[in-house]
């Protein structure tokens, strides 16, 4: 009976071992920060963002000057002139808001530029992760950089440097 129980336990453990899932994790922030093309794309996007933000702030400054001038001269203006100035200020505010939306909105130029420059790099990283997972038969590859909470990670399962190497990039000096 003991022999049967021990044999059953060994068979059960070996079956479980054969079906054990393999897991790994990567840090996509770390990977992307070690890809020169990504740094360049991010720099381009940041420069565009700063340029557009300055343009918008300048226009808001002009509107503020118009409003202050209107406030100062309001007593001297006729009703028609007041309405004309108010309409001018409101129109300019709408134009700036539209400009802001066209640059920074959901489907704005910044979003499109990010899609154009960054998405191909992210796709390349994803494909490298997928290739590694299929080659090494990982059931799951977690991203340490995303919202997935990982309270502890054993560095031996971190495949970020392997992804960089497989993509033809050099590993970073630090993590």
N, C-alpha and C. Protein backbone atom coordinates (compact mmCIF):
# COMPACT_ATOMS: atom_id res chain seq x y z
N UNK A 1 0.82 -1.19 0.00
CA UNK A 1 0.00 0.00 0.00
C UNK A 1 0.87 1.26 0.00
N UNK A 2 1.95 1.25 0.84
CA UNK A 2 2.85 2.39 0.89
C UNK A 2 3.53 2.59 -0.46
N UNK A 3 3.92 1.49 -1.09
CA UNK A 3 4.58 1.56 -2.38
C UNK A 3 3.65 2.20 -3.42
N UNK A 4 2.40 1.82 -3.41
CA UNK A 4 1.43 2.38 -4.33
C UNK A 4 1.22 3.87 -4.06
N UNK A 5 1.15 4.22 -2.81
CA UNK A 5 0.98 5.63 -2.43
C UNK A 5 2.19 6.47 -2.84
N UNK A 6 3.40 5.96 -2.62
CA UNK A 6 4.62 6.67 -3.00
C UNK A 6 4.72 6.76 -4.52
N UNK A 7 4.41 5.69 -5.22
CA UNK A 7 4.44 5.69 -6.68
C UNK A 7 3.42 6.69 -7.21
N UNK A 8 2.25 6.70 -6.65
CA UNK A 8 1.21 7.65 -7.07
C UNK A 8 1.67 9.09 -6.84
N UNK A 9 2.30 9.34 -5.70
CA UNK A 9 2.78 10.69 -5.38
C UNK A 9 3.87 11.11 -6.36
N UNK A 10 4.80 10.20 -6.70
CA UNK A 10 5.87 10.52 -7.65
C UNK A 10 5.28 10.80 -9.03
N UNK A 11 4.34 9.98 -9.46
CA UNK A 11 3.70 10.18 -10.75
C UNK A 11 2.94 11.50 -10.76
N UNK A 12 2.23 11.79 -9.68
CA UNK A 12 1.47 13.02 -9.58
C UNK A 12 2.40 14.24 -9.64
N UNK A 13 3.50 14.21 -8.92
CA UNK A 13 4.46 15.32 -8.91
C UNK A 13 5.10 15.49 -10.29
N UNK A 14 5.45 14.39 -10.93
CA UNK A 14 6.06 14.51 -12.25
C UNK A 14 5.07 15.03 -13.29
N UNK A 15 3.80 14.64 -13.18
CA UNK A 15 2.77 15.14 -14.09
C UNK A 15 2.59 16.65 -13.87
N UNK A 16 2.52 17.05 -12.63
CA UNK A 16 2.39 18.48 -12.32
C UNK A 16 3.61 19.23 -12.82
N UNK A 17 4.78 18.66 -12.62
CA UNK A 17 6.01 19.30 -13.11
C UNK A 17 6.01 19.45 -14.61
N UNK A 18 5.47 18.46 -15.30
CA UNK A 18 5.42 18.52 -16.77
C UNK A 18 4.47 19.62 -17.24
N UNK A 19 3.43 19.86 -16.47
CA UNK A 19 2.46 20.88 -16.85
C UNK A 19 2.68 22.22 -16.13
N UNK A 20 3.77 22.34 -15.43
CA UNK A 20 4.05 23.59 -14.70
C UNK A 20 4.20 24.74 -15.70
N UNK A 21 3.65 25.83 -15.33
CA UNK A 21 3.72 27.02 -16.18
C UNK A 21 5.02 27.77 -15.88
N UNK A 22 5.59 28.34 -16.92
CA UNK A 22 6.79 29.15 -16.75
C UNK A 22 6.40 30.61 -16.85
N UNK A 23 6.95 31.41 -15.95
CA UNK A 23 6.65 32.83 -15.90
C UNK A 23 7.94 33.63 -15.99
N UNK A 24 7.81 34.81 -16.51
CA UNK A 24 8.95 35.74 -16.57
C UNK A 24 8.36 37.14 -16.47
N UNK A 25 9.24 38.10 -16.26
CA UNK A 25 8.78 39.48 -16.31
C UNK A 25 9.82 40.34 -16.99
N UNK A 26 9.35 41.44 -17.52
CA UNK A 26 10.23 42.42 -18.15
C UNK A 26 9.83 43.80 -17.61
N UNK A 27 10.71 44.74 -17.79
CA UNK A 27 10.45 46.13 -17.40
C UNK A 27 10.52 46.96 -18.69
N UNK A 28 9.36 47.23 -19.28
CA UNK A 28 9.35 47.92 -20.57
C UNK A 28 9.89 49.34 -20.47
N UNK A 29 9.72 49.99 -19.31
CA UNK A 29 10.33 51.32 -19.14
C UNK A 29 11.84 51.24 -19.26
N UNK A 30 12.41 50.24 -18.62
CA UNK A 30 13.86 50.02 -18.68
C UNK A 30 14.30 49.69 -20.11
N UNK A 31 13.55 48.82 -20.76
CA UNK A 31 13.89 48.42 -22.13
C UNK A 31 13.85 49.64 -23.05
N UNK A 32 12.76 50.39 -22.99
CA UNK A 32 12.63 51.56 -23.86
C UNK A 32 13.69 52.61 -23.57
N UNK A 33 14.07 52.77 -22.31
CA UNK A 33 15.08 53.77 -21.97
C UNK A 33 16.47 53.37 -22.49
N UNK A 34 16.63 52.14 -22.89
CA UNK A 34 17.91 51.67 -23.43
C UNK A 34 17.89 51.56 -24.96
N UNK A 35 16.85 52.06 -25.58
CA UNK A 35 16.76 52.05 -27.04
C UNK A 35 16.94 53.49 -27.53
N UNK A 36 18.03 53.76 -28.22
CA UNK A 36 18.31 55.14 -28.68
C UNK A 36 17.19 55.73 -29.54
N UNK A 37 16.56 54.93 -30.39
CA UNK A 37 15.49 55.43 -31.24
C UNK A 37 14.32 55.94 -30.40
N UNK A 38 14.06 55.26 -29.29
CA UNK A 38 12.97 55.67 -28.41
C UNK A 38 13.29 57.01 -27.75
N UNK A 39 14.53 57.13 -27.28
CA UNK A 39 14.95 58.40 -26.65
C UNK A 39 14.83 59.54 -27.65
N UNK A 40 15.24 59.30 -28.88
CA UNK A 40 15.16 60.32 -29.93
C UNK A 40 13.70 60.69 -30.22
N UNK A 41 12.85 59.69 -30.34
CA UNK A 41 11.43 59.93 -30.61
C UNK A 41 10.80 60.71 -29.46
N UNK A 42 11.12 60.31 -28.24
CA UNK A 42 10.56 60.97 -27.07
C UNK A 42 11.02 62.43 -27.01
N UNK A 43 12.28 62.66 -27.38
CA UNK A 43 12.83 64.01 -27.39
C UNK A 43 12.09 64.87 -28.43
N UNK A 44 11.84 64.31 -29.61
CA UNK A 44 11.09 65.03 -30.65
C UNK A 44 9.69 65.39 -30.16
N UNK A 45 9.04 64.45 -29.52
CA UNK A 45 7.69 64.66 -29.02
C UNK A 45 7.70 65.74 -27.93
N UNK A 46 8.67 65.67 -27.03
CA UNK A 46 8.78 66.67 -25.97
C UNK A 46 9.02 68.06 -26.53
N UNK A 47 9.88 68.16 -27.54
CA UNK A 47 10.15 69.46 -28.16
C UNK A 47 8.91 70.04 -28.82
N UNK A 48 8.18 69.19 -29.54
CA UNK A 48 6.93 69.65 -30.17
C UNK A 48 5.93 70.12 -29.11
N UNK A 49 5.83 69.36 -28.06
CA UNK A 49 4.90 69.68 -26.98
C UNK A 49 5.23 71.04 -26.36
N UNK A 50 6.50 71.27 -26.08
CA UNK A 50 6.93 72.55 -25.50
C UNK A 50 6.65 73.69 -26.47
N UNK A 51 6.96 73.48 -27.74
CA UNK A 51 6.73 74.51 -28.77
C UNK A 51 5.25 74.87 -28.85
N UNK A 52 4.39 73.87 -28.91
CA UNK A 52 2.95 74.12 -29.02
C UNK A 52 2.41 74.76 -27.75
N UNK A 53 2.93 74.33 -26.60
CA UNK A 53 2.47 74.90 -25.33
C UNK A 53 2.82 76.38 -25.26
N UNK A 54 4.03 76.74 -25.72
CA UNK A 54 4.43 78.15 -25.73
C UNK A 54 3.51 78.97 -26.64
N UNK A 55 3.20 78.41 -27.81
CA UNK A 55 2.31 79.07 -28.76
C UNK A 55 0.95 79.34 -28.12
N UNK A 56 0.42 78.35 -27.43
CA UNK A 56 -0.89 78.48 -26.79
C UNK A 56 -0.83 79.49 -25.65
N UNK A 57 0.23 79.44 -24.85
CA UNK A 57 0.38 80.39 -23.75
C UNK A 57 0.49 81.82 -24.27
N UNK A 58 1.18 82.00 -25.38
CA UNK A 58 1.29 83.34 -26.00
C UNK A 58 -0.09 83.85 -26.39
N UNK A 59 -0.87 82.97 -27.01
CA UNK A 59 -2.22 83.38 -27.43
C UNK A 59 -3.10 83.70 -26.23
N UNK A 60 -2.99 82.91 -25.15
CA UNK A 60 -3.75 83.21 -23.94
C UNK A 60 -3.29 84.55 -23.33
N UNK A 61 -2.00 84.84 -23.44
CA UNK A 61 -1.48 86.13 -22.97
C UNK A 61 -2.08 87.29 -23.74
N UNK A 62 -2.21 87.11 -25.06
CA UNK A 62 -2.83 88.15 -25.90
C UNK A 62 -4.29 88.35 -25.51
N UNK A 63 -4.98 87.26 -25.25
CA UNK A 63 -6.39 87.35 -24.84
C UNK A 63 -6.50 88.07 -23.50
N UNK A 64 -5.59 87.76 -22.59
CA UNK A 64 -5.58 88.41 -21.28
C UNK A 64 -5.37 89.92 -21.42
N UNK A 65 -4.47 90.32 -22.32
CA UNK A 65 -4.24 91.76 -22.57
C UNK A 65 -5.50 92.41 -23.12
N UNK A 66 -6.15 91.73 -24.08
CA UNK A 66 -7.39 92.27 -24.64
C UNK A 66 -8.46 92.43 -23.55
N UNK A 67 -8.55 91.45 -22.67
CA UNK A 67 -9.55 91.49 -21.60
C UNK A 67 -9.26 92.63 -20.63
N UNK A 68 -8.00 92.78 -20.26
CA UNK A 68 -7.63 93.86 -19.33
C UNK A 68 -7.86 95.23 -19.97
N UNK A 69 -7.55 95.35 -21.25
CA UNK A 69 -7.80 96.61 -21.96
C UNK A 69 -9.31 96.88 -22.00
N UNK A 70 -10.08 95.85 -22.24
CA UNK A 70 -11.53 95.97 -22.26
C UNK A 70 -12.05 96.42 -20.90
N UNK A 71 -11.54 95.82 -19.83
CA UNK A 71 -11.96 96.18 -18.48
C UNK A 71 -11.65 97.66 -18.20
N UNK A 72 -10.45 98.10 -18.63
CA UNK A 72 -10.03 99.49 -18.37
C UNK A 72 -10.86 100.49 -19.17
N UNK A 73 -11.25 100.13 -20.40
CA UNK A 73 -11.94 101.06 -21.29
C UNK A 73 -13.46 100.87 -21.29
N UNK A 74 -13.93 99.92 -20.56
CA UNK A 74 -15.34 99.54 -20.60
C UNK A 74 -16.28 100.72 -20.33
N UNK A 75 -15.91 101.57 -19.43
CA UNK A 75 -16.76 102.70 -19.06
C UNK A 75 -16.92 103.67 -20.23
N UNK A 76 -15.89 103.79 -21.05
CA UNK A 76 -15.89 104.74 -22.15
C UNK A 76 -16.54 104.21 -23.43
N UNK A 77 -16.77 102.91 -23.47
CA UNK A 77 -17.27 102.30 -24.70
C UNK A 77 -18.80 102.33 -24.79
N UNK A 78 -19.30 102.39 -26.01
CA UNK A 78 -20.74 102.28 -26.23
C UNK A 78 -21.12 100.81 -26.14
N UNK A 79 -22.41 100.55 -26.05
CA UNK A 79 -22.89 99.17 -25.95
C UNK A 79 -22.45 98.33 -27.15
N UNK A 80 -22.52 98.89 -28.34
CA UNK A 80 -22.10 98.17 -29.54
C UNK A 80 -20.61 97.84 -29.48
N UNK A 81 -19.81 98.79 -29.05
CA UNK A 81 -18.35 98.57 -28.95
C UNK A 81 -18.04 97.51 -27.88
N UNK A 82 -18.79 97.55 -26.77
CA UNK A 82 -18.60 96.55 -25.71
C UNK A 82 -18.88 95.15 -26.25
N UNK A 83 -20.01 95.01 -26.94
CA UNK A 83 -20.38 93.70 -27.49
C UNK A 83 -19.37 93.23 -28.52
N UNK A 84 -18.90 94.17 -29.32
CA UNK A 84 -17.90 93.83 -30.34
C UNK A 84 -16.62 93.31 -29.68
N UNK A 85 -16.16 94.00 -28.65
CA UNK A 85 -14.93 93.58 -27.95
C UNK A 85 -15.14 92.24 -27.23
N UNK A 86 -16.28 92.10 -26.57
CA UNK A 86 -16.58 90.84 -25.88
C UNK A 86 -16.59 89.68 -26.87
N UNK A 87 -17.24 89.90 -28.01
CA UNK A 87 -17.30 88.87 -29.05
C UNK A 87 -15.90 88.54 -29.55
N UNK A 88 -15.08 89.57 -29.72
CA UNK A 88 -13.70 89.36 -30.18
C UNK A 88 -12.92 88.50 -29.17
N UNK A 89 -13.07 88.81 -27.89
CA UNK A 89 -12.36 88.06 -26.84
C UNK A 89 -12.86 86.61 -26.80
N UNK A 90 -14.18 86.44 -26.85
CA UNK A 90 -14.76 85.09 -26.82
C UNK A 90 -14.32 84.28 -28.03
N UNK A 91 -14.30 84.90 -29.19
CA UNK A 91 -13.88 84.22 -30.43
C UNK A 91 -12.43 83.78 -30.32
N UNK A 92 -11.58 84.67 -29.81
CA UNK A 92 -10.16 84.32 -29.67
C UNK A 92 -9.98 83.19 -28.66
N UNK A 93 -10.74 83.21 -27.57
CA UNK A 93 -10.67 82.12 -26.59
C UNK A 93 -11.07 80.79 -27.22
N UNK A 94 -12.13 80.81 -28.02
CA UNK A 94 -12.57 79.58 -28.70
C UNK A 94 -11.50 79.09 -29.66
N UNK A 95 -10.87 80.01 -30.38
CA UNK A 95 -9.81 79.63 -31.33
C UNK A 95 -8.64 78.98 -30.61
N UNK A 96 -8.26 79.55 -29.46
CA UNK A 96 -7.14 78.98 -28.71
C UNK A 96 -7.50 77.62 -28.14
N UNK A 97 -8.73 77.48 -27.66
CA UNK A 97 -9.16 76.17 -27.15
C UNK A 97 -9.18 75.13 -28.25
N UNK A 98 -9.60 75.53 -29.43
CA UNK A 98 -9.59 74.61 -30.58
C UNK A 98 -8.16 74.25 -30.97
N UNK A 99 -7.29 75.25 -30.93
CA UNK A 99 -5.87 74.98 -31.22
C UNK A 99 -5.30 74.01 -30.20
N UNK A 100 -5.61 74.24 -28.93
CA UNK A 100 -5.14 73.36 -27.87
C UNK A 100 -5.67 71.94 -28.07
N UNK A 101 -6.93 71.84 -28.41
CA UNK A 101 -7.53 70.52 -28.66
C UNK A 101 -6.89 69.85 -29.87
N UNK A 102 -6.62 70.63 -30.93
CA UNK A 102 -6.03 70.04 -32.13
C UNK A 102 -4.59 69.58 -31.89
N UNK A 103 -3.91 70.19 -30.96
CA UNK A 103 -2.53 69.79 -30.66
C UNK A 103 -2.46 68.71 -29.60
N UNK A 104 -3.23 68.87 -28.50
CA UNK A 104 -3.09 67.99 -27.35
C UNK A 104 -4.30 67.10 -27.09
N UNK A 105 -5.33 67.19 -27.89
CA UNK A 105 -6.54 66.41 -27.67
C UNK A 105 -6.34 64.92 -27.94
N UNK A 106 -7.40 64.19 -27.75
CA UNK A 106 -7.37 62.73 -27.91
C UNK A 106 -6.83 62.32 -29.28
N UNK A 107 -7.30 62.95 -30.31
CA UNK A 107 -6.82 62.65 -31.66
C UNK A 107 -5.98 63.80 -32.20
N UNK A 108 -5.34 64.52 -31.30
CA UNK A 108 -4.54 65.68 -31.69
C UNK A 108 -3.23 65.31 -32.35
N UNK A 109 -2.52 66.35 -32.77
CA UNK A 109 -1.25 66.15 -33.46
C UNK A 109 -0.21 65.46 -32.58
N UNK A 110 -0.21 65.76 -31.29
CA UNK A 110 0.75 65.12 -30.39
C UNK A 110 0.51 63.61 -30.32
N UNK A 111 -0.75 63.22 -30.22
CA UNK A 111 -1.11 61.81 -30.20
C UNK A 111 -0.69 61.13 -31.50
N UNK A 112 -0.95 61.79 -32.62
CA UNK A 112 -0.60 61.23 -33.92
C UNK A 112 0.92 61.11 -34.08
N UNK A 113 1.64 62.11 -33.61
CA UNK A 113 3.09 62.08 -33.70
C UNK A 113 3.65 60.95 -32.83
N UNK A 114 3.07 60.78 -31.64
CA UNK A 114 3.49 59.69 -30.75
C UNK A 114 3.23 58.35 -31.42
N UNK A 115 2.07 58.21 -32.06
CA UNK A 115 1.75 56.98 -32.78
C UNK A 115 2.77 56.73 -33.90
N UNK A 116 3.12 57.78 -34.60
CA UNK A 116 4.04 57.68 -35.72
C UNK A 116 5.45 57.31 -35.26
N UNK A 117 5.92 57.91 -34.18
CA UNK A 117 7.31 57.72 -33.76
C UNK A 117 7.52 56.61 -32.73
N UNK A 118 6.62 56.49 -31.78
CA UNK A 118 6.83 55.58 -30.65
C UNK A 118 6.20 54.21 -30.86
N UNK A 119 5.03 54.16 -31.47
CA UNK A 119 4.33 52.88 -31.62
C UNK A 119 5.16 51.82 -32.36
N UNK A 120 5.86 52.16 -33.44
CA UNK A 120 6.68 51.12 -34.10
C UNK A 120 7.76 50.54 -33.16
N UNK A 121 8.30 51.37 -32.31
CA UNK A 121 9.32 50.90 -31.36
C UNK A 121 8.66 49.99 -30.32
N UNK A 122 7.50 50.40 -29.82
CA UNK A 122 6.78 49.57 -28.86
C UNK A 122 6.37 48.24 -29.49
N UNK A 123 5.96 48.27 -30.74
CA UNK A 123 5.60 47.03 -31.44
C UNK A 123 6.81 46.11 -31.57
N UNK A 124 7.96 46.71 -31.85
CA UNK A 124 9.20 45.94 -31.97
C UNK A 124 9.54 45.26 -30.64
N UNK A 125 9.37 45.99 -29.53
CA UNK A 125 9.61 45.43 -28.20
C UNK A 125 8.62 44.30 -27.93
N UNK A 126 7.35 44.54 -28.24
CA UNK A 126 6.33 43.52 -28.03
C UNK A 126 6.66 42.25 -28.82
N UNK A 127 7.05 42.43 -30.07
CA UNK A 127 7.38 41.26 -30.90
C UNK A 127 8.58 40.50 -30.35
N UNK A 128 9.56 41.22 -29.81
CA UNK A 128 10.73 40.57 -29.20
C UNK A 128 10.32 39.80 -27.94
N UNK A 129 9.41 40.38 -27.17
CA UNK A 129 8.92 39.69 -25.96
C UNK A 129 8.13 38.45 -26.36
N UNK A 130 7.29 38.59 -27.37
CA UNK A 130 6.49 37.46 -27.85
C UNK A 130 7.40 36.34 -28.37
N UNK A 131 8.43 36.71 -29.13
CA UNK A 131 9.36 35.71 -29.66
C UNK A 131 10.07 34.97 -28.53
N UNK A 132 10.52 35.72 -27.52
CA UNK A 132 11.18 35.09 -26.36
C UNK A 132 10.22 34.16 -25.63
N UNK A 133 8.99 34.62 -25.44
CA UNK A 133 8.00 33.81 -24.72
C UNK A 133 7.71 32.50 -25.47
N UNK A 134 7.59 32.60 -26.79
CA UNK A 134 7.32 31.39 -27.57
C UNK A 134 8.53 30.47 -27.60
N UNK A 135 9.71 31.04 -27.74
CA UNK A 135 10.94 30.22 -27.79
C UNK A 135 11.21 29.54 -26.45
N UNK A 136 11.01 30.27 -25.37
CA UNK A 136 11.30 29.73 -24.04
C UNK A 136 10.08 29.11 -23.39
N UNK A 137 8.99 29.04 -24.09
CA UNK A 137 7.72 28.50 -23.63
C UNK A 137 7.24 29.09 -22.30
N UNK A 138 7.27 30.41 -22.23
CA UNK A 138 6.72 31.07 -21.06
C UNK A 138 5.21 31.15 -21.24
N UNK A 139 4.49 30.81 -20.19
CA UNK A 139 3.03 30.91 -20.24
C UNK A 139 2.61 32.37 -20.10
N UNK A 140 3.34 33.10 -19.27
CA UNK A 140 2.99 34.49 -19.00
C UNK A 140 4.27 35.30 -18.88
N UNK A 141 4.25 36.49 -19.48
CA UNK A 141 5.34 37.45 -19.29
C UNK A 141 4.70 38.71 -18.75
N UNK A 142 5.05 39.07 -17.52
CA UNK A 142 4.50 40.26 -16.89
C UNK A 142 5.36 41.47 -17.25
N UNK A 143 4.73 42.64 -17.19
CA UNK A 143 5.46 43.89 -17.37
C UNK A 143 5.55 44.57 -16.02
N UNK A 144 6.74 44.66 -15.51
CA UNK A 144 6.98 45.27 -14.21
C UNK A 144 6.64 46.76 -14.23
N UNK A 145 6.72 47.40 -15.39
CA UNK A 145 6.50 48.84 -15.50
C UNK A 145 5.02 49.20 -15.53
N UNK A 146 4.16 48.28 -15.88
CA UNK A 146 2.73 48.61 -15.99
C UNK A 146 2.06 48.55 -14.63
N UNK A 147 0.78 48.64 -14.64
CA UNK A 147 0.01 48.69 -13.41
C UNK A 147 -0.03 47.38 -12.63
N UNK A 148 0.50 46.31 -13.18
CA UNK A 148 0.49 45.04 -12.48
C UNK A 148 1.33 45.16 -11.22
N UNK A 149 0.74 44.86 -10.09
CA UNK A 149 1.45 44.98 -8.83
C UNK A 149 2.31 43.73 -8.62
N UNK A 150 3.59 43.97 -8.45
CA UNK A 150 4.52 42.89 -8.15
C UNK A 150 5.22 43.27 -6.85
N UNK A 151 4.84 42.63 -5.78
CA UNK A 151 5.42 42.97 -4.49
C UNK A 151 6.85 42.46 -4.37
N UNK A 152 7.14 41.37 -5.01
CA UNK A 152 8.50 40.83 -5.02
C UNK A 152 8.76 40.24 -6.40
N UNK A 153 9.97 40.49 -6.88
CA UNK A 153 10.39 39.87 -8.14
C UNK A 153 11.80 39.35 -7.98
N UNK A 154 11.98 38.13 -8.35
CA UNK A 154 13.31 37.53 -8.31
C UNK A 154 14.04 37.95 -9.59
N UNK A 155 15.19 38.61 -9.46
CA UNK A 155 15.90 39.11 -10.64
C UNK A 155 16.25 38.03 -11.68
N UNK A 156 16.32 36.78 -11.26
CA UNK A 156 16.67 35.74 -12.24
C UNK A 156 15.57 35.53 -13.27
N UNK A 157 14.35 35.98 -12.97
CA UNK A 157 13.25 35.86 -13.93
C UNK A 157 13.04 37.13 -14.76
N UNK A 158 13.86 38.15 -14.51
CA UNK A 158 13.76 39.41 -15.27
C UNK A 158 14.43 39.20 -16.62
N UNK A 159 13.67 39.26 -17.67
CA UNK A 159 14.17 39.00 -19.02
C UNK A 159 14.36 40.29 -19.83
N UNK A 160 14.37 41.45 -19.17
CA UNK A 160 14.50 42.73 -19.85
C UNK A 160 15.80 42.83 -20.64
N UNK A 161 16.93 42.45 -20.02
CA UNK A 161 18.21 42.52 -20.71
C UNK A 161 18.26 41.54 -21.89
N UNK A 162 17.64 40.39 -21.74
CA UNK A 162 17.59 39.42 -22.83
C UNK A 162 16.79 39.97 -24.01
N UNK A 163 15.72 40.68 -23.73
CA UNK A 163 14.93 41.31 -24.79
C UNK A 163 15.79 42.33 -25.52
N UNK A 164 16.50 43.17 -24.76
CA UNK A 164 17.37 44.18 -25.39
C UNK A 164 18.42 43.51 -26.27
N UNK A 165 19.04 42.47 -25.76
CA UNK A 165 20.07 41.76 -26.51
C UNK A 165 19.49 41.14 -27.78
N UNK A 166 18.33 40.51 -27.65
CA UNK A 166 17.68 39.90 -28.82
C UNK A 166 17.28 40.93 -29.87
N UNK A 167 17.06 42.16 -29.43
CA UNK A 167 16.70 43.23 -30.35
C UNK A 167 17.93 43.91 -30.93
N UNK A 168 19.12 43.54 -30.44
CA UNK A 168 20.36 44.09 -30.98
C UNK A 168 20.85 45.33 -30.24
N UNK A 169 20.34 45.57 -29.03
CA UNK A 169 20.77 46.72 -28.25
C UNK A 169 21.64 46.26 -27.09
N UNK A 170 22.46 47.18 -26.61
CA UNK A 170 23.31 46.87 -25.46
C UNK A 170 22.52 47.07 -24.19
N UNK A 171 22.84 46.28 -23.19
CA UNK A 171 22.19 46.39 -21.90
C UNK A 171 22.59 47.70 -21.24
N UNK A 172 21.68 48.20 -20.42
CA UNK A 172 21.97 49.41 -19.66
C UNK A 172 22.91 49.10 -18.51
N UNK A 173 23.54 50.11 -18.00
CA UNK A 173 24.50 49.95 -16.90
C UNK A 173 23.78 49.64 -15.59
N UNK A 174 22.60 50.24 -15.40
CA UNK A 174 21.88 50.04 -14.15
C UNK A 174 20.42 49.75 -14.43
N UNK A 175 19.76 49.26 -13.44
CA UNK A 175 18.31 49.03 -13.51
C UNK A 175 17.62 50.00 -12.65
